[in-house]
Protein backbone atom coordinates (compact mmCIF):
# COMPACT_ATOMS: atom_id res chain seq x y z
CA MET A 1 88.08 96.96 120.48
CA ALA A 2 86.47 100.32 121.83
CA LEU A 3 86.33 103.68 121.32
CA VAL A 4 89.04 105.83 123.71
CA ASN A 5 88.54 109.31 122.64
CA VAL A 6 87.11 111.49 119.72
CA LYS A 7 88.30 114.95 119.19
CA GLU A 8 86.98 117.44 116.30
CA SER A 9 90.32 118.66 114.68
CA TRP A 10 88.83 121.16 112.00
CA SER A 11 85.56 122.27 110.29
CA LYS A 12 84.64 123.74 106.93
CA ALA A 13 88.07 123.27 105.84
CA ASN A 14 88.15 122.93 102.00
CA CYS A 15 84.43 123.30 101.79
CA ALA A 16 81.84 125.98 100.41
CA ILE A 17 78.65 127.05 101.36
CA GLY A 18 77.13 128.93 98.35
CA ARG A 19 74.65 131.64 98.13
CA GLY A 20 72.92 133.13 94.98
CA ALA A 21 70.56 135.91 94.56
CA SER A 22 68.46 134.44 97.64
CA ALA A 23 69.78 134.60 101.01
CA GLY A 24 69.11 130.81 101.67
CA ILE A 25 71.78 128.27 100.68
CA ILE A 26 71.37 127.25 96.98
CA GLU A 27 73.86 124.37 96.83
CA GLY A 28 77.05 123.61 98.60
CA THR A 29 79.67 121.26 100.27
CA ALA A 30 81.41 121.16 103.59
CA ALA A 31 83.60 118.97 105.75
CA LYS A 32 84.79 118.11 109.39
CA GLY A 33 87.66 116.27 110.32
CA PHE A 34 88.20 114.23 113.44
CA THR A 35 90.84 112.53 115.22
CA VAL A 36 89.83 109.00 116.81
CA LEU A 37 91.61 106.99 119.38
CA PHE A 38 90.91 103.42 119.77
CA ASN A 39 92.23 101.09 122.32
CA SER A 40 93.23 98.37 119.58
CA CYS A 41 93.63 98.33 115.61
CA SER A 42 91.40 96.72 113.34
CA ASN A 43 90.33 97.47 109.66
CA SER A 44 88.40 100.63 108.44
CA ASN A 45 84.91 98.97 108.21
CA VAL A 46 85.05 97.82 111.74
CA LEU A 47 86.17 101.14 112.77
CA LEU A 48 83.23 102.88 111.19
CA ALA A 49 81.04 100.21 112.73
CA VAL A 50 82.09 101.18 116.13
CA LEU A 51 81.80 105.14 115.74
CA ALA A 52 78.31 104.54 114.29
CA ASN A 53 77.15 102.55 117.40
CA ASP A 54 79.36 104.15 120.14
CA GLY A 55 76.09 105.21 121.94
CA VAL A 56 77.12 108.99 122.17
CA GLN A 57 77.67 109.60 118.15
CA HIS A 58 81.22 111.20 118.55
CA VAL A 59 81.02 111.68 114.77
CA PRO A 60 78.09 112.68 112.61
CA ALA A 61 75.77 110.15 111.58
CA LEU A 62 74.50 110.06 108.21
CA GLY A 63 71.66 112.70 107.47
CA GLU A 64 72.82 115.13 110.44
CA ALA A 65 72.73 118.98 109.60
CA PHE A 66 76.18 120.55 109.50
CA ASP A 67 75.06 122.78 112.08
CA VAL A 68 71.98 125.15 113.34
CA ALA A 69 72.87 127.74 110.71
CA ASN A 70 72.87 125.25 107.85
CA PRO A 71 70.19 122.71 108.31
CA GLY A 72 70.07 121.64 104.64
CA MET A 73 73.72 120.76 104.64
CA LEU A 74 73.51 117.13 105.59
CA CYS A 75 76.10 114.49 106.45
CA ARG A 76 76.32 112.45 103.25
CA ARG A 77 79.42 110.42 103.82
CA VAL A 78 81.78 109.33 106.74
CA ARG A 79 85.31 107.88 106.05
CA VAL A 80 88.27 106.83 107.61
CA VAL A 81 90.71 108.50 105.68
CA ASN A 82 94.30 108.00 106.88
CA PRO A 83 95.83 106.19 110.00
CA LEU A 84 97.81 108.69 112.04
CA GLY A 85 99.34 105.71 114.21
CA PRO A 86 98.39 102.09 115.28
CA LEU A 87 95.62 103.08 117.36
CA LEU A 88 94.73 106.66 115.77
CA TYR A 89 92.84 107.65 112.90
CA GLU A 90 91.76 110.38 110.86
CA VAL A 91 88.12 110.38 110.05
CA LEU A 92 86.48 112.72 107.53
CA ALA A 93 82.80 113.65 107.45
CA GLU A 94 81.60 115.21 104.27
CA TYR A 95 78.34 117.25 103.80
CA GLY A 96 76.36 118.38 100.94
CA THR A 97 72.82 119.91 100.09
CA ALA A 98 70.52 117.94 98.19
CA ASN A 99 71.24 119.52 94.88
CA SER A 100 74.90 119.57 95.31
CA VAL A 101 77.74 117.09 93.91
CA LEU A 102 77.46 115.39 97.30
CA GLY A 103 73.45 115.49 97.62
CA VAL A 104 71.35 112.08 97.70
CA PRO A 105 72.19 109.93 95.85
CA VAL A 106 76.09 110.76 95.71
CA ALA A 107 76.72 110.97 92.07
CA ALA A 108 78.19 108.07 90.41
CA PRO A 109 82.18 108.16 89.57
CA ARG A 110 83.56 108.82 86.11
CA ILE A 111 85.50 105.66 85.26
CA GLN A 112 87.84 104.94 82.31
CA TRP A 113 89.78 102.35 81.23
CA ALA A 114 92.80 102.39 79.01
CA GLY A 115 96.14 100.29 78.30
CA GLN A 116 99.86 100.77 78.31
CA LYS A 117 102.79 99.12 76.99
CA VAL A 118 106.02 99.44 79.01
CA MET A 119 109.36 97.81 78.64
CA GLU A 120 111.17 96.76 81.63
CA ALA A 121 114.69 94.78 82.50
CA VAL A 122 113.76 91.18 83.10
CA ASN A 123 115.65 87.81 84.03
CA PHE A 124 112.64 85.75 82.75
CA ASP A 125 110.59 85.16 79.63
CA ALA A 126 106.89 85.08 79.59
CA ALA A 127 107.10 81.19 80.23
CA GLY A 128 109.05 81.79 83.48
CA VAL A 129 112.43 80.44 81.72
CA ALA A 130 115.59 82.48 82.48
CA TYR A 131 117.39 84.08 79.53
CA LYS A 132 120.72 82.04 78.74
CA ASN A 133 122.64 80.97 75.64
CA SER A 134 122.80 77.61 74.23
CA ILE A 135 125.58 76.13 76.68
CA GLY A 136 123.71 77.72 79.64
CA ASP A 137 125.39 81.02 80.25
CA ILE A 138 123.22 83.75 81.65
CA ILE A 139 122.30 86.63 79.03
CA THR A 140 121.65 89.89 81.34
CA GLY A 141 120.35 93.12 80.13
CA VAL A 142 117.22 91.85 78.13
CA GLN A 143 114.08 94.01 78.51
CA ARG A 144 110.44 92.62 77.63
CA PRO A 145 107.18 94.57 77.19
CA PHE A 146 104.59 94.29 80.18
CA TYR A 147 100.77 94.91 78.80
CA ASP A 148 99.24 96.80 81.86
CA LEU A 149 95.60 98.05 82.38
CA VAL A 150 95.05 101.56 83.70
CA TYR A 151 92.14 102.51 85.51
CA THR A 152 90.83 105.81 86.28
CA HIS A 153 88.51 107.00 88.86
CA THR A 154 86.99 110.32 89.40
CA ARG A 155 84.64 111.42 91.75
CA ASN A 156 83.57 114.59 93.69
CA GLU A 157 84.48 115.09 97.35
CA ALA A 158 84.33 117.82 99.64
CA ALA A 159 87.84 117.83 100.86
CA ALA A 160 91.00 116.77 99.12
CA THR A 161 92.44 114.65 101.95
CA PHE A 162 93.01 111.45 100.11
CA ALA A 163 95.20 113.34 97.46
CA LYS A 164 97.42 114.49 100.37
CA SER A 165 97.62 110.97 101.92
CA GLY A 166 100.07 108.33 101.48
CA TYR A 167 98.51 106.09 99.26
CA ARG A 168 100.63 106.91 96.26
CA GLY A 169 103.10 104.27 95.13
CA THR A 170 101.10 101.54 97.01
CA LEU A 171 99.64 98.35 96.32
CA ASN A 172 96.23 96.92 97.21
CA SER A 173 96.86 94.61 100.54
CA GLY A 174 93.41 92.88 99.94
CA SER A 175 90.91 91.89 97.32
CA GLN A 176 90.10 95.15 95.44
CA THR A 177 86.92 95.46 93.21
CA LEU A 178 87.28 97.73 90.33
CA ASP A 179 84.44 98.54 88.13
CA GLY A 180 82.62 95.22 89.32
CA THR A 181 85.91 93.28 88.60
CA SER A 182 87.82 91.74 91.54
CA TYR A 183 91.33 92.05 91.92
CA ALA A 184 93.56 89.88 94.04
CA ALA A 185 96.18 91.36 96.53
CA LYS A 186 99.26 93.27 95.10
CA LEU A 187 98.01 93.50 91.71
CA CYS A 188 96.95 97.05 91.72
CA LEU A 189 99.27 100.01 92.00
CA MET A 190 98.11 103.34 93.05
CA GLU A 191 100.01 105.49 90.58
CA ASN A 192 98.81 108.75 91.42
CA ILE A 193 95.83 110.73 93.41
CA GLN A 194 95.07 114.42 92.30
CA ALA A 195 92.55 116.66 93.17
CA ALA A 196 91.15 119.91 91.27
CA ARG A 197 89.03 122.68 92.72
CA VAL A 198 85.94 123.21 91.04
CA LEU A 199 84.43 126.74 91.36
CA SER A 200 80.68 127.53 90.53
CA VAL A 201 79.22 130.85 89.58
CA ASP A 202 77.88 131.27 92.83
CA ASN A 203 81.34 131.00 94.40
CA TRP A 204 80.85 127.81 96.16
CA TYR A 205 83.35 124.91 95.31
CA TYR A 206 84.05 121.04 95.75
CA TRP A 207 87.12 118.93 94.84
CA GLU A 208 87.09 116.67 91.66
CA VAL A 209 89.47 113.71 92.92
CA THR A 210 90.92 111.37 90.44
CA TYR A 211 92.59 108.23 91.25
CA THR A 212 94.82 106.27 88.66
CA ILE A 213 95.70 102.44 89.21
CA ILE A 214 97.58 100.49 87.05
CA ILE A 215 96.91 96.61 87.12
CA ARG A 216 99.52 94.25 86.38
CA ASN A 217 99.26 90.78 85.71
CA THR A 218 102.56 88.86 85.58
CA ILE A 219 101.22 84.96 85.07
CA VAL A 220 103.92 82.17 84.95
CA GLY A 221 102.10 78.71 85.33
CA ALA A 222 99.36 79.05 87.45
CA THR A 223 100.69 82.08 89.74
CA ASP A 224 100.15 85.63 89.20
CA TYR A 225 103.26 87.72 90.41
CA GLY A 226 101.66 90.87 89.98
CA TRP A 227 103.90 93.57 90.72
CA GLN A 228 106.57 91.49 92.49
CA ARG A 229 110.04 91.36 91.32
CA ARG A 230 111.56 88.19 89.92
CA GLU A 231 115.17 87.80 89.99
CA LEU A 232 117.29 84.74 88.84
CA ASN A 233 118.94 83.29 91.92
CA LYS A 234 122.41 83.66 90.47
CA GLY A 235 125.80 85.26 91.62
CA PRO A 236 129.39 85.25 91.61
CA ARG A 237 129.65 83.09 94.88
CA TYR A 238 128.26 79.69 95.68
CA ARG A 239 128.31 76.74 98.80
CA PRO A 240 130.07 73.61 97.80
CA THR A 241 127.68 72.14 100.13
CA ALA A 242 124.58 73.34 101.86
CA GLY A 243 125.64 75.15 104.92
CA ALA A 244 129.25 75.58 103.57
CA ALA A 245 131.32 78.97 103.42
CA PRO A 246 130.62 80.43 99.97
CA LYS A 247 133.38 80.26 97.37
CA MET A 248 133.77 82.24 94.09
CA VAL A 249 132.45 80.72 90.95
CA LYS A 250 135.48 82.23 88.72
CA ASP A 251 137.90 79.77 90.85
CA LEU A 252 136.03 76.82 90.33
CA ASP A 253 135.65 76.94 86.21
CA GLY A 254 136.23 81.07 85.11
CA ARG A 255 132.77 81.98 85.06
CA SER A 256 131.83 85.39 86.58
CA GLU A 257 128.60 84.06 87.95
CA ALA A 258 126.37 80.96 88.23
CA ARG A 259 123.07 79.68 88.98
CA LEU A 260 122.10 78.99 92.44
CA ALA A 261 119.58 76.33 94.27
CA ALA A 262 117.71 77.60 96.95
CA ASP A 263 120.47 76.28 99.59
CA GLY A 264 123.19 78.54 97.53
CA THR A 265 124.82 75.46 95.86
CA LEU A 266 125.54 75.33 92.17
CA LEU A 267 122.13 74.52 90.39
CA ALA A 268 122.44 71.23 87.76
CA ASP A 269 122.07 72.23 84.26
CA ALA A 270 119.04 70.22 83.83
CA ALA A 271 117.63 71.81 86.66
CA ALA A 272 114.86 74.45 86.27
CA ASP A 273 115.53 78.11 87.08
CA ILE A 274 114.88 79.32 90.85
CA ALA A 275 113.33 82.99 91.07
CA VAL A 276 114.10 85.03 94.23
CA LEU A 277 110.93 87.16 94.88
CA PHE A 278 111.29 91.07 95.95
CA ASP A 279 108.28 93.62 96.86
CA ASP A 280 109.23 96.95 95.16
CA TYR A 281 106.05 98.57 96.62
CA SER A 282 104.11 98.52 100.07
CA ALA A 283 100.87 96.88 100.13
CA VAL A 284 98.51 98.76 102.43
CA SER A 285 94.67 98.63 102.99
CA TRP A 286 92.34 100.76 100.50
CA ALA A 287 89.29 100.03 102.26
CA ALA A 288 89.28 103.78 103.32
CA LEU A 289 89.02 105.18 99.86
CA GLY A 290 85.67 103.25 98.93
CA LEU A 291 86.54 102.63 95.54
CA SER A 292 84.61 99.43 95.24
CA THR A 293 81.26 101.34 96.03
CA SER A 294 81.49 105.20 95.01
C-alpha cells in the first residue's frame, strides 16, 4: 500500500492552551485532525507505520511541537480514529505540555471491573440442550441468566473524537487485550463511549473518555459462542426429503412446529438438537482505540 494524499482538516478543536499568572504556557492539551488517502486498505497499525515512514512526514511525529508559538506543546499520540471509506481515514494527533494530562509518560488509564446478571429468552440450557417436555415437544419463552463481565476504561484525551464515532454497539473483530487478559474475537461488546470535558482553574481543558465493554462467555462444550444468538432449528414447515418442496408439520401429525435437520427434513427424536447461529452485532477492528496499551 502507498500514501496518496494527506490533508489537515482541523486544528485546536476541542483543545486547550492554558495560561496562568505568567505569560508562558503552564499546562494544556491540543489536537489536530487529518484526512489520509491510501491506494489500498489495511489495518490501523500498518497505516500508522506508513505515515511515520513516508519520507515527507505529512502527520506530526511524536515529540514535534504544535506550532512555533507553543514549542512546549508536543505531540504525544497519533491514532487512526475512524475509517471514512475503504481507503480514506481520519487520523488524530494529540498534543500536551510536559506537565499536562497528556504529558510524558501518558498517564495510565483508570480501570474498573464489575459483573452483571441479565435474563434473556433462549432456546437452549447451559449444556446446549433445547428446552422440551418429556415427549419432545418444544418449550418456548424460557429465560435463563447470563453472568457478564463489565470492563470500564477511563483515560484522558485531547479530543472527544472516539465518543462521536461508530464503535458503539460493535464487537471486537480480532483478539482484544483488556487489562492484560486476551479475549477472542466477538466476545467483547462496546456498550458505550462517553466523554466529559474537564476544566481547570487556569481555564484549560481536556476530555475524560470512558469506554464501557461487556464481555460474554457462552460456552457449550468446547465452543465459546460469545454474543452469537443460538436459535433452535425448528419451524412450522419441513421437507419430506432433502431438496423437496416444504410441507406443513400440522398436516403431518397436528404439531404446530418440529425440530429440523440441517437440510430441512424432520429431525429424529433421538437426534441432538441443531442450532442456527445469528450475529446481532457487527464486528469491527478496535485497533485504533488503543485499549490494549493506553
